[in-house]
Amino acid sequence: MRSVRARAALGATVVVALALIGAGLSVLLVLRANLTDQAGLQAEVVAREVAGQLALDVPYDRLETRDEEDHPVQVTDEDGRVVAVSKDLRAISGTGTDRVTPDPSPAAGQSGGGSGSDDDGSDDDAGDDDDRGTPGRGEVDSDEPDFTNGTATVDDETADYRFASVRATTSAGVTLTVHAGAPLAAEQEAVGTVRGAMLIGLPLLLLVVAGVTWLVTRRALRPVEGIRREMAAITASEDLSRRVPEPGSRDEVARLARTTNETLTALEASVERQRRFVADASHELRSPIASLRTQLEVGAAHPELLDVPGAVADTVRLQALAADLLLLARLDAGERPGRTVLDLGALVREEVSQRGGDRIPVTVSVPDSGEFEVAGSRGQLARVIGNLLDNAQRHARSAVTVSVRPAERGDVVVAVTDDGAGVPPEERERIFERFVRLDDARTRDDGGAGLGLAIARDVAARHGGRLTVGDAREGGARFELRLPGAS
């Protein structure tokens, strides 16, 4: 049962079994009810025929019944005495009395002879009939008859019957009850045949359902097994360039395969980016560490040759590089910025005021009446502004400008421009990659490690904004930081 195919086959079989059992029971009950009603209708017809004869004062021994073998008849009076039975009726049950021998005493004045009156009184009886206004000498109860199930033995053969009880009143005012039966053999045979067919066909049908479900599920899950095997092979080989097979269908399995390949692509890119990051970080760290070690070793051997300012500069550069690498590591780990609401215009003024060693003075353009509130980390956003100003200072000839302005949809835009050489259009995305320097002629000391713009874009993305570069009116580069306003 650990297999999806087995669980699917079992579940489908159980559901179909319950549905078929419920439907089968309903069919049997409806079939039994219909056939029983038909037998009751036949019994009612026979009972009313006999009751009609009794209402016409037909003597008991002259009552006519049709198909006496199939429709046994028993007539009882108000006291429950049996006054007449059909021919060859040997035993009966379900009618209220099991006697089949008529009472020899006369009932309701009827004799074995007939109408129950003499010649002198015939005219009076006719007058009474006219007074009642009903055809014949008695009447038959028109109410719904009573139905019961029982047995009867006719010619030494016992069977089940459906009995209908109809009341009739003779001309003498005697109430008699006619119990007529109709056989239930047809109902029992039909129900038994259907039940037997269901008992034989249900297991076969369930077996077919289980087999078809197993095969269909196996075929549907075959691509999933291929995906699983390929993923296991990728995990074992650690080769993220491999991809799982994508079926040609457009179902959920195909979408799963495509999503898996997209995940593998993103994972491969992330691992490759991490490898490059480690390699570039090692390369960048090697130079200042080697330089610092060389200076310290020379200073230890020849104290008079120790370059203290150079050692301090290498240490500062090494410290800044380590801080950048740690920040990138936290960003890659998914660190989310705090949700402090701050004024971006005030933050820009504060950052510019703290920059005392810039080669070129920075011109600040922030409207005094504007409110430029954004939500985020004050430290990280200050780092972005500082990195953009550092980049502009390295490339500007004579002017660096920073401005803050509102934008559509409540966004806030910080623009940093310079009058340097600008950024070629084909390089405007590459400069945001880590450890990228466009000016190969620059030394590492002047050009930095190539992490400032990468950090700035990552921080902007973490804050729901974006960082882009274009052409400045002064001819240099224009970096725009767009952040959503605080809501």
Protein backbone atom coordinates (compact mmCIF):
# COMPACT_ATOMS: atom_id res chain seq x y z
CA MET A 1 0.00 0.00 0.00
CA ARG A 2 3.01 2.31 -0.16
CA SER A 3 2.50 2.56 -3.91
CA VAL A 4 0.35 5.32 -5.35
CA ARG A 5 -0.90 2.86 -7.96
CA ALA A 6 -2.06 0.44 -5.27
CA ARG A 7 -3.78 3.15 -3.27
CA ALA A 8 -5.47 4.55 -6.37
CA ALA A 9 -6.65 1.10 -7.48
CA LEU A 10 -7.92 0.25 -3.99
CA GLY A 11 -9.66 3.60 -3.61
CA ALA A 12 -11.35 3.34 -7.01
CA THR A 13 -12.41 -0.24 -6.30
CA VAL A 14 -13.88 0.65 -2.92
CA VAL A 15 -15.78 3.63 -4.35
CA VAL A 16 -17.15 1.60 -7.26
CA ALA A 17 -18.03 -1.29 -4.93
CA LEU A 18 -19.99 0.98 -2.61
CA ALA A 19 -21.75 2.60 -5.56
CA LEU A 20 -22.62 -0.75 -7.14
CA ILE A 21 -23.80 -2.26 -3.86
CA GLY A 22 -26.01 0.75 -3.21
CA ALA A 23 -27.35 0.70 -6.77
CA GLY A 24 -27.86 -3.07 -6.64
CA LEU A 25 -29.79 -2.91 -3.38
CA SER A 26 -31.93 -0.12 -4.79
CA VAL A 27 -32.65 -2.15 -7.93
CA LEU A 28 -33.56 -5.22 -5.88
CA LEU A 29 -35.84 -3.24 -3.58
CA VAL A 30 -37.58 -1.49 -6.48
CA LEU A 31 -37.92 -4.76 -8.40
CA ARG A 32 -39.31 -6.57 -5.36
CA ALA A 33 -41.75 -3.73 -4.65
CA ASN A 34 -42.99 -3.61 -8.26
CA LEU A 35 -43.48 -7.35 -8.54
CA THR A 36 -45.15 -7.48 -5.12
CA ASP A 37 -47.50 -4.67 -6.18
CA GLN A 38 -48.34 -6.57 -9.36
CA ALA A 39 -49.13 -9.71 -7.34
CA GLY A 40 -51.25 -7.62 -4.98
CA LEU A 41 -53.14 -6.15 -7.94
CA GLN A 42 -53.87 -9.65 -9.26
CA ALA A 43 -55.04 -10.74 -5.81
CA GLU A 44 -57.27 -7.65 -5.51
CA VAL A 45 -58.91 -8.38 -8.87
CA VAL A 46 -59.73 -11.94 -7.82
CA ALA A 47 -60.92 -10.82 -4.39
CA ARG A 48 -63.29 -8.23 -5.89
CA GLU A 49 -64.68 -10.76 -8.35
CA VAL A 50 -65.55 -13.12 -5.51
CA ALA A 51 -66.85 -10.25 -3.37
CA GLY A 52 -69.10 -9.18 -6.24
CA GLN A 53 -70.60 -12.68 -6.39
CA LEU A 54 -71.22 -12.59 -2.64
CA ALA A 55 -72.93 -9.21 -2.97
CA LEU A 56 -75.24 -10.84 -5.53
CA ASP A 57 -76.05 -13.59 -2.96
CA VAL A 58 -74.36 -16.35 -4.92
CA PRO A 59 -74.30 -19.42 -2.67
CA TYR A 60 -70.95 -20.29 -1.13
CA ASP A 61 -70.73 -23.65 -2.86
CA ARG A 62 -71.35 -22.02 -6.23
CA LEU A 63 -68.72 -19.29 -6.04
CA GLU A 64 -66.59 -19.18 -9.16
CA THR A 65 -62.84 -18.37 -8.94
CA ARG A 66 -60.42 -18.25 -11.79
CA ASP A 67 -57.14 -20.17 -11.69
CA GLU A 68 -57.81 -21.73 -8.33
CA GLU A 69 -54.32 -23.25 -8.32
CA ASP A 70 -52.72 -19.82 -8.65
CA HIS A 71 -55.30 -17.79 -6.75
CA PRO A 72 -56.50 -19.50 -3.56
CA VAL A 73 -59.56 -17.91 -1.95
CA GLN A 74 -60.82 -17.95 1.65
CA VAL A 75 -64.06 -16.28 2.78
CA THR A 76 -64.73 -15.46 6.44
CA ASP A 77 -67.64 -13.82 8.21
CA GLU A 78 -67.68 -11.14 10.87
CA ASP A 79 -66.88 -13.66 13.61
CA GLY A 80 -63.86 -15.02 11.75
CA ARG A 81 -65.57 -18.28 10.78
CA VAL A 82 -64.57 -19.73 7.45
CA VAL A 83 -67.64 -19.95 5.23
CA ALA A 84 -66.04 -20.82 1.89
CA VAL A 85 -62.67 -21.77 0.39
CA SER A 86 -61.45 -22.41 -3.14
CA LYS A 87 -61.10 -25.91 -4.50
CA ASP A 88 -58.10 -28.02 -3.42
CA LEU A 89 -56.98 -25.49 -0.77
CA ARG A 90 -55.31 -27.59 1.94
CA ALA A 91 -53.65 -24.98 4.19
CA ILE A 92 -53.31 -21.23 4.42
CA SER A 93 -51.53 -18.60 6.57
CA GLY A 94 -51.38 -14.82 6.61
CA THR A 95 -55.15 -14.17 6.37
CA GLY A 96 -55.95 -14.11 10.08
CA THR A 97 -57.13 -17.71 10.29
CA ASP A 98 -55.51 -20.87 9.05
CA ARG A 99 -58.69 -22.94 8.84
CA VAL A 100 -59.63 -24.22 5.40
CA THR A 101 -62.77 -26.15 6.30
CA PRO A 102 -66.02 -24.15 5.93
CA ASP A 103 -68.29 -23.91 8.97
CA PRO A 104 -71.31 -26.14 8.37
CA SER A 105 -73.71 -23.71 10.05
CA PRO A 106 -75.51 -21.32 7.68
CA ALA A 107 -74.28 -17.75 7.57
CA ALA A 108 -76.48 -14.71 7.11
CA GLY A 109 -79.51 -16.84 6.35
CA GLN A 110 -77.85 -18.35 3.27
CA SER A 111 -78.65 -21.95 2.61
CA GLY A 112 -77.01 -24.16 0.14
CA GLY A 113 -79.69 -23.12 -2.27
CA GLY A 114 -79.34 -19.63 -3.44
CA SER A 115 -80.87 -16.24 -2.89
CA GLY A 116 -81.88 -16.61 0.77
CA SER A 117 -85.72 -15.75 0.32
CA ASP A 118 -89.01 -17.53 -0.56
CA ASP A 119 -91.43 -16.80 -3.40
CA ASP A 120 -93.86 -14.80 -1.29
CA GLY A 121 -91.20 -12.34 -0.23
CA SER A 122 -89.58 -11.80 -3.58
CA ASP A 123 -91.51 -8.64 -4.34
CA ASP A 124 -90.63 -7.13 -0.98
CA ASP A 125 -86.96 -7.86 -1.51
CA ALA A 126 -87.07 -6.24 -4.91
CA GLY A 127 -88.66 -3.22 -3.34
CA ASP A 128 -85.85 -3.08 -0.78
CA ASP A 129 -83.30 -3.18 -3.58
CA ASP A 130 -85.01 -0.30 -5.25
CA ASP A 131 -84.99 1.66 -2.00
CA ARG A 132 -81.21 1.21 -1.59
CA GLY A 133 -80.56 2.44 -5.14
CA THR A 134 -77.52 0.15 -5.66
CA PRO A 135 -77.19 -2.55 -8.34
CA GLY A 136 -77.73 -6.13 -7.11
CA ARG A 137 -78.70 -7.14 -3.59
CA GLY A 138 -75.54 -6.16 -1.68
CA GLU A 139 -72.43 -4.05 -2.07
CA VAL A 140 -68.64 -4.36 -2.26
CA ASP A 141 -66.41 -2.17 -0.12
CA SER A 142 -64.67 0.33 -2.41
CA ASP A 143 -61.89 1.18 0.03
CA GLU A 144 -58.32 0.14 -0.54
CA PRO A 145 -57.97 -3.54 0.36
CA ASP A 146 -55.65 -4.83 3.04
CA PHE A 147 -52.54 -6.63 1.77
CA THR A 148 -50.60 -9.33 3.61
CA ASN A 149 -48.02 -11.96 2.75
CA GLY A 150 -48.51 -15.58 3.63
CA THR A 151 -48.44 -19.15 2.36
CA ALA A 152 -50.98 -21.54 0.95
CA THR A 153 -50.98 -25.25 0.09
CA VAL A 154 -52.88 -26.17 -3.05
CA ASP A 155 -52.82 -29.76 -4.29
CA ASP A 156 -50.05 -30.56 -1.78
CA GLU A 157 -47.82 -27.75 -3.17
CA THR A 158 -46.94 -24.98 -0.72
CA ALA A 159 -45.92 -21.53 -2.01
CA ASP A 160 -45.75 -17.90 -0.93
CA TYR A 161 -48.66 -15.63 -1.81
CA ARG A 162 -49.69 -12.01 -1.67
CA PHE A 163 -53.19 -11.79 -0.17
CA ALA A 164 -55.73 -9.02 -0.73
CA SER A 165 -58.69 -8.72 1.67
CA VAL A 166 -61.92 -7.17 0.30
CA ARG A 167 -65.16 -6.79 2.27
CA ALA A 168 -68.60 -7.45 0.80
CA THR A 169 -72.09 -7.02 2.28
CA THR A 170 -74.90 -9.39 1.30
CA SER A 171 -78.54 -8.41 0.83
CA ALA A 172 -79.17 -9.63 4.36
CA GLY A 173 -76.65 -7.18 5.77
CA VAL A 174 -74.00 -9.78 6.54
CA THR A 175 -70.41 -8.57 6.08
CA LEU A 176 -68.01 -11.10 4.63
CA THR A 177 -64.29 -10.79 3.96
CA VAL A 178 -62.73 -12.33 0.87
CA HIS A 179 -59.05 -13.26 1.10
CA ALA A 180 -57.63 -13.92 -2.37
CA GLY A 181 -54.01 -14.69 -3.09
CA ALA A 182 -51.62 -14.25 -5.98
CA PRO A 183 -48.35 -16.22 -6.15
CA LEU A 184 -45.03 -14.52 -5.34
CA ALA A 185 -43.02 -17.12 -7.24
CA ALA A 186 -42.37 -14.75 -10.14
CA GLU A 187 -41.18 -12.04 -7.76
CA GLN A 188 -38.93 -14.43 -5.90
CA GLU A 189 -37.52 -15.90 -9.09
CA ALA A 190 -36.84 -12.49 -10.64
CA VAL A 191 -35.25 -11.12 -7.48
CA GLY A 192 -33.19 -14.27 -7.06
CA THR A 193 -32.00 -14.13 -10.67
CA VAL A 194 -31.00 -10.48 -10.42
CA ARG A 195 -29.31 -11.06 -7.06
CA GLY A 196 -27.37 -14.01 -8.42
CA ALA A 197 -26.29 -12.04 -11.47
CA MET A 198 -25.11 -9.20 -9.22
CA LEU A 199 -23.19 -11.55 -6.93
CA ILE A 200 -21.41 -13.02 -9.94
CA GLY A 201 -20.94 -9.81 -11.91
CA LEU A 202 -19.93 -7.50 -9.03
CA PRO A 203 -16.58 -9.22 -8.24
CA LEU A 204 -15.75 -9.45 -11.94
CA LEU A 205 -16.57 -5.78 -12.46
CA LEU A 206 -14.54 -4.76 -9.40
CA LEU A 207 -11.63 -6.81 -10.70
CA VAL A 208 -11.86 -4.99 -14.03
CA VAL A 209 -12.04 -1.60 -12.28
CA ALA A 210 -9.00 -2.41 -10.13
CA GLY A 211 -7.00 -3.63 -13.13
CA VAL A 212 -7.89 -0.68 -15.35
CA THR A 213 -7.16 1.79 -12.54
CA TRP A 214 -3.81 0.12 -11.89
CA LEU A 215 -2.82 0.24 -15.56
CA VAL A 216 -4.03 3.82 -16.11
CA THR A 217 -2.32 5.05 -12.94
CA ARG A 218 0.87 3.20 -13.86
CA ARG A 219 0.87 4.80 -17.29
CA ALA A 220 0.14 8.24 -15.84
CA LEU A 221 2.90 7.94 -13.22
CA ARG A 222 5.51 6.56 -15.58
CA PRO A 223 6.89 10.07 -16.35
CA VAL A 224 7.00 10.77 -12.60
CA GLU A 225 9.17 7.71 -12.10
CA GLY A 226 11.45 8.97 -14.88
CA ILE A 227 11.69 12.34 -13.13
CA ARG A 228 12.50 10.61 -9.84
CA ARG A 229 15.24 8.47 -11.37
CA GLU A 230 16.83 11.47 -13.08
CA MET A 231 16.68 13.53 -9.88
CA ALA A 232 18.31 10.67 -8.00
CA ALA A 233 21.04 10.50 -10.65
CA ILE A 234 21.56 14.29 -10.46
CA THR A 235 21.84 14.11 -6.68
CA ALA A 236 24.35 11.26 -6.88
CA SER A 237 26.47 12.88 -9.59
CA GLU A 238 26.10 16.49 -8.34
CA ASP A 239 25.85 17.50 -12.00
CA LEU A 240 23.33 20.32 -12.01
CA SER A 241 23.57 20.74 -15.79
CA ARG A 242 21.40 17.64 -16.29
CA ARG A 243 17.64 17.98 -16.68
CA VAL A 244 14.70 15.69 -16.05
CA PRO A 245 12.72 14.41 -19.08
CA GLU A 246 9.67 16.46 -19.98
CA PRO A 247 6.69 14.48 -21.37
CA GLY A 248 4.94 15.79 -24.44
CA SER A 249 1.59 16.02 -22.66
CA ARG A 250 0.18 19.22 -21.20
CA ASP A 251 -0.99 17.74 -17.92
CA GLU A 252 0.17 18.20 -14.34
CA VAL A 253 3.11 15.82 -14.78
CA ALA A 254 4.46 17.87 -17.69
CA ARG A 255 4.13 21.06 -15.65
CA LEU A 256 5.91 19.34 -12.77
CA ALA A 257 8.79 18.38 -15.07
CA ARG A 258 9.07 21.92 -16.45
CA THR A 259 8.99 23.42 -12.98
CA THR A 260 11.63 20.93 -11.84
CA ASN A 261 13.91 21.89 -14.75
CA GLU A 262 13.37 25.57 -13.99
CA THR A 263 14.33 24.90 -10.39
CA LEU A 264 17.43 23.02 -11.52
CA THR A 265 18.36 25.91 -13.81
CA ALA A 266 18.00 28.41 -10.98
CA LEU A 267 19.93 26.13 -8.65
CA GLU A 268 22.70 25.67 -11.20
CA ALA A 269 22.94 29.43 -11.70
CA SER A 270 22.99 29.99 -7.94
CA VAL A 271 25.70 27.39 -7.38
CA GLU A 272 27.73 28.76 -10.28
CA ARG A 273 27.32 32.27 -8.95
CA GLN A 274 28.40 31.08 -5.52
CA ARG A 275 31.45 29.36 -6.97
CA ARG A 276 32.45 32.47 -8.86
CA PHE A 277 31.86 34.52 -5.75
CA VAL A 278 34.13 32.28 -3.68
CA ALA A 279 36.81 32.29 -6.38
CA ASP A 280 36.64 36.06 -6.87
CA ALA A 281 36.57 36.68 -3.11
CA SER A 282 39.63 34.49 -2.65
CA HIS A 283 41.40 36.36 -5.45
CA GLU A 284 40.45 39.76 -4.08
CA LEU A 285 41.47 38.86 -0.55
CA ARG A 286 44.77 37.37 -1.65
CA SER A 287 46.22 40.66 -2.91
CA PRO A 288 45.75 42.88 0.18
CA ILE A 289 46.68 40.04 2.53
CA ALA A 290 49.84 39.32 0.51
CA SER A 291 50.72 43.01 0.36
CA LEU A 292 50.14 43.47 4.07
CA ARG A 293 52.19 40.39 4.91
CA THR A 294 55.04 41.56 2.70
CA GLN A 295 55.10 44.97 4.35
CA LEU A 296 55.04 43.42 7.82
CA GLU A 297 57.81 40.96 6.98
CA VAL A 298 59.96 43.77 5.55
CA GLY A 299 59.21 45.86 8.62
CA ALA A 300 60.19 43.01 10.90
CA ALA A 301 63.52 42.56 9.08
CA HIS A 302 64.18 46.24 8.42
CA PRO A 303 62.16 48.46 10.76
CA GLU A 304 63.38 51.58 8.98
CA LEU A 305 61.69 50.38 5.75
CA LEU A 306 58.25 49.71 7.28
CA ASP A 307 55.52 51.48 5.25
CA VAL A 308 53.01 52.15 7.98
CA PRO A 309 50.61 54.24 5.80
CA GLY A 310 50.62 51.52 3.15
CA ALA A 311 49.94 48.83 5.74
CA VAL A 312 47.08 50.88 7.17
CA ALA A 313 45.63 51.42 3.67
CA ASP A 314 45.80 47.70 2.92
CA THR A 315 44.17 46.94 6.26
CA VAL A 316 41.36 49.42 5.61
CA ARG A 317 40.81 48.00 2.15
CA LEU A 318 40.81 44.50 3.55
CA GLN A 319 38.31 45.52 6.23
CA ALA A 320 35.98 47.13 3.65
CA LEU A 321 36.20 44.10 1.41
CA ALA A 322 35.37 41.76 4.31
CA ALA A 323 32.38 43.95 5.24
CA ASP A 324 31.13 43.84 1.63
CA LEU A 325 31.49 40.07 1.47
CA LEU A 326 29.63 39.61 4.75
CA LEU A 327 26.79 41.84 3.56
CA LEU A 328 26.51 39.91 0.29
CA ALA A 329 26.47 36.64 2.22
CA ARG A 330 23.59 37.91 4.37
CA LEU A 331 21.69 39.08 1.30
CA ASP A 332 22.21 35.74 -0.43
CA ALA A 333 20.94 33.99 2.70
CA GLY A 334 17.63 35.83 2.29
CA GLU A 335 18.03 38.41 5.02
CA ARG A 336 15.07 40.79 4.91
CA PRO A 337 15.49 44.47 5.74
CA GLY A 338 13.72 46.03 8.69
CA ARG A 339 10.52 47.99 8.12
CA THR A 340 11.56 51.33 9.61
CA VAL A 341 9.92 54.36 8.02
CA LEU A 342 12.54 56.98 7.17
CA ASP A 343 12.87 60.19 5.14
CA LEU A 344 15.04 59.44 2.12
CA GLY A 345 15.77 63.13 1.52
CA ALA A 346 17.10 63.57 5.06
CA LEU A 347 19.15 60.39 4.69
CA VAL A 348 20.77 61.72 1.49
CA ARG A 349 21.67 65.03 3.17
CA GLU A 350 23.14 63.17 6.14
CA GLU A 351 25.25 60.87 3.97
CA VAL A 352 26.64 63.76 1.92
CA SER A 353 27.44 65.82 5.02
CA GLN A 354 29.55 62.98 6.43
CA ARG A 355 31.74 62.66 3.30
CA GLY A 356 34.70 64.89 4.08
CA GLY A 357 37.37 63.34 1.89
CA ASP A 358 35.66 63.44 -1.50
CA ARG A 359 37.75 64.51 -4.47
CA ILE A 360 34.84 66.46 -5.96
CA PRO A 361 32.21 68.29 -3.91
CA VAL A 362 28.74 66.74 -4.15
CA THR A 363 25.81 68.94 -5.14
CA VAL A 364 22.59 68.00 -3.30
CA SER A 365 19.16 68.76 -4.81
CA VAL A 366 16.39 67.86 -2.33
CA PRO A 367 13.19 69.95 -2.16
CA ASP A 368 12.65 71.34 1.35
CA SER A 369 8.88 70.96 1.16
CA GLY A 370 8.88 67.39 0.02
CA GLU A 371 8.31 64.30 2.17
CA PHE A 372 10.13 61.30 0.79
CA GLU A 373 9.28 58.55 3.27
CA VAL A 374 10.17 54.94 2.48
CA ALA A 375 10.14 51.74 4.54
CA GLY A 376 13.33 49.75 4.96
CA SER A 377 16.71 49.41 6.65
CA ARG A 378 18.37 52.74 7.30
CA GLY A 379 21.83 51.19 7.33
CA GLN A 380 21.40 49.31 4.05
CA LEU A 381 19.88 52.26 2.21
CA ALA A 382 22.68 54.49 3.49
CA ARG A 383 25.11 51.90 2.13
CA VAL A 384 23.44 52.09 -1.30
CA ILE A 385 23.70 55.90 -1.42
CA GLY A 386 27.31 55.76 -0.26
CA ASN A 387 28.23 53.17 -2.91
CA LEU A 388 26.62 55.26 -5.66
CA LEU A 389 28.48 58.37 -4.52
CA ASP A 390 31.77 56.43 -4.32
CA ASN A 391 31.25 55.17 -7.87
CA ALA A 392 30.48 58.68 -9.11
CA GLN A 393 33.57 60.10 -7.36
CA ARG A 394 35.81 57.53 -9.11
CA HIS A 395 34.52 58.36 -12.60
CA ALA A 396 33.55 62.07 -12.47
CA ARG A 397 35.71 64.78 -13.95
CA SER A 398 34.43 67.85 -12.13
CA ALA A 399 30.83 67.41 -10.94
CA VAL A 400 28.79 64.93 -8.89
CA THR A 401 25.09 65.60 -8.22
CA VAL A 402 22.55 63.72 -6.08
CA SER A 403 18.84 64.56 -6.18
CA VAL A 404 15.64 63.24 -4.64
CA ARG A 405 12.23 63.59 -6.27
CA PRO A 406 8.78 61.99 -6.09
CA ALA A 407 7.62 59.68 -8.89
CA GLU A 408 4.40 58.10 -10.08
CA ARG A 409 2.44 55.67 -7.86
CA GLY A 410 4.00 57.20 -4.76
CA ASP A 411 7.57 56.04 -5.51
CA VAL A 412 10.66 57.99 -4.48
CA VAL A 413 13.64 58.34 -6.86
CA VAL A 414 17.23 59.10 -5.85
CA ALA A 415 19.44 60.07 -8.84
CA VAL A 416 23.27 60.23 -8.71
CA THR A 417 24.95 61.75 -11.79
CA ASP A 418 28.50 62.56 -12.82
CA ASP A 419 30.20 64.13 -15.82
CA GLY A 420 32.55 61.27 -16.52
CA ALA A 421 32.78 58.95 -19.51
CA GLY A 422 29.47 57.23 -18.75
CA VAL A 423 28.60 53.56 -19.16
CA PRO A 424 28.32 52.00 -22.63
CA PRO A 425 24.79 50.64 -23.32
CA GLU A 426 26.07 47.08 -23.76
CA GLU A 427 27.69 47.16 -20.32
CA ARG A 428 24.81 48.64 -18.32
CA GLU A 429 23.72 45.31 -16.87
CA ARG A 430 27.14 43.77 -16.54
CA ILE A 431 28.38 46.49 -14.18
CA PHE A 432 25.93 45.21 -11.53
CA GLU A 433 27.60 41.81 -11.47
CA ARG A 434 29.97 41.03 -8.67
CA PHE A 435 33.72 41.73 -9.04
CA VAL A 436 33.21 43.44 -12.40
CA ARG A 437 35.44 46.40 -13.34
CA LEU A 438 35.00 48.06 -16.71
CA ASP A 439 38.22 50.07 -16.47
CA ASP A 440 40.93 47.41 -16.62
CA ALA A 441 43.62 50.09 -16.57
CA ARG A 442 42.63 51.13 -13.07
CA THR A 443 44.42 49.58 -10.17
CA ARG A 444 42.49 47.64 -7.57
CA ASP A 445 43.30 50.34 -5.08
CA ASP A 446 41.61 53.04 -7.16
CA GLY A 447 38.82 51.03 -8.72
CA GLY A 448 37.65 49.05 -5.71
CA ALA A 449 36.72 45.38 -5.65
CA GLY A 450 33.74 45.64 -8.00
CA LEU A 451 31.16 44.91 -5.28
CA GLY A 452 29.62 48.32 -4.64
CA LEU A 453 27.09 48.37 -7.46
CA ALA A 454 26.24 44.68 -6.98
CA ILE A 455 25.47 45.36 -3.31
CA ALA A 456 23.43 48.45 -4.22
CA ARG A 457 21.22 46.55 -6.68
CA ASP A 458 20.70 43.62 -4.30
CA VAL A 459 19.68 45.95 -1.48
CA ALA A 460 17.32 47.85 -3.80
CA ALA A 461 15.69 44.58 -4.86
CA ARG A 462 15.30 43.50 -1.20
CA HIS A 463 13.42 46.76 -0.57
CA GLY A 464 11.04 46.20 -3.46
CA GLY A 465 12.77 48.77 -5.69
CA ARG A 466 15.20 48.77 -8.56
CA LEU A 467 18.51 50.38 -9.55
CA THR A 468 19.19 51.36 -13.17
CA VAL A 469 21.82 53.32 -15.08
CA GLY A 470 21.47 55.65 -18.04
CA ASP A 471 22.99 58.77 -19.61
CA ALA A 472 23.28 62.03 -17.67
CA ARG A 473 22.72 65.41 -19.25
CA GLU A 474 26.29 66.29 -18.33
CA GLY A 475 27.47 63.43 -20.51
CA GLY A 476 28.35 60.98 -17.77
CA ALA A 477 26.35 58.25 -16.01
CA ARG A 478 23.03 58.64 -14.22
CA PHE A 479 22.15 56.03 -11.60
CA GLU A 480 18.51 56.00 -10.45
CA LEU A 481 17.37 54.26 -7.27
CA ARG A 482 13.56 53.88 -7.28
CA LEU A 483 11.88 52.76 -4.04
CA PRO A 484 8.20 52.39 -3.17
CA GLY A 485 6.91 55.06 -0.82
CA ALA A 486 5.85 54.16 2.72
CA SER A 487 2.12 53.40 2.84
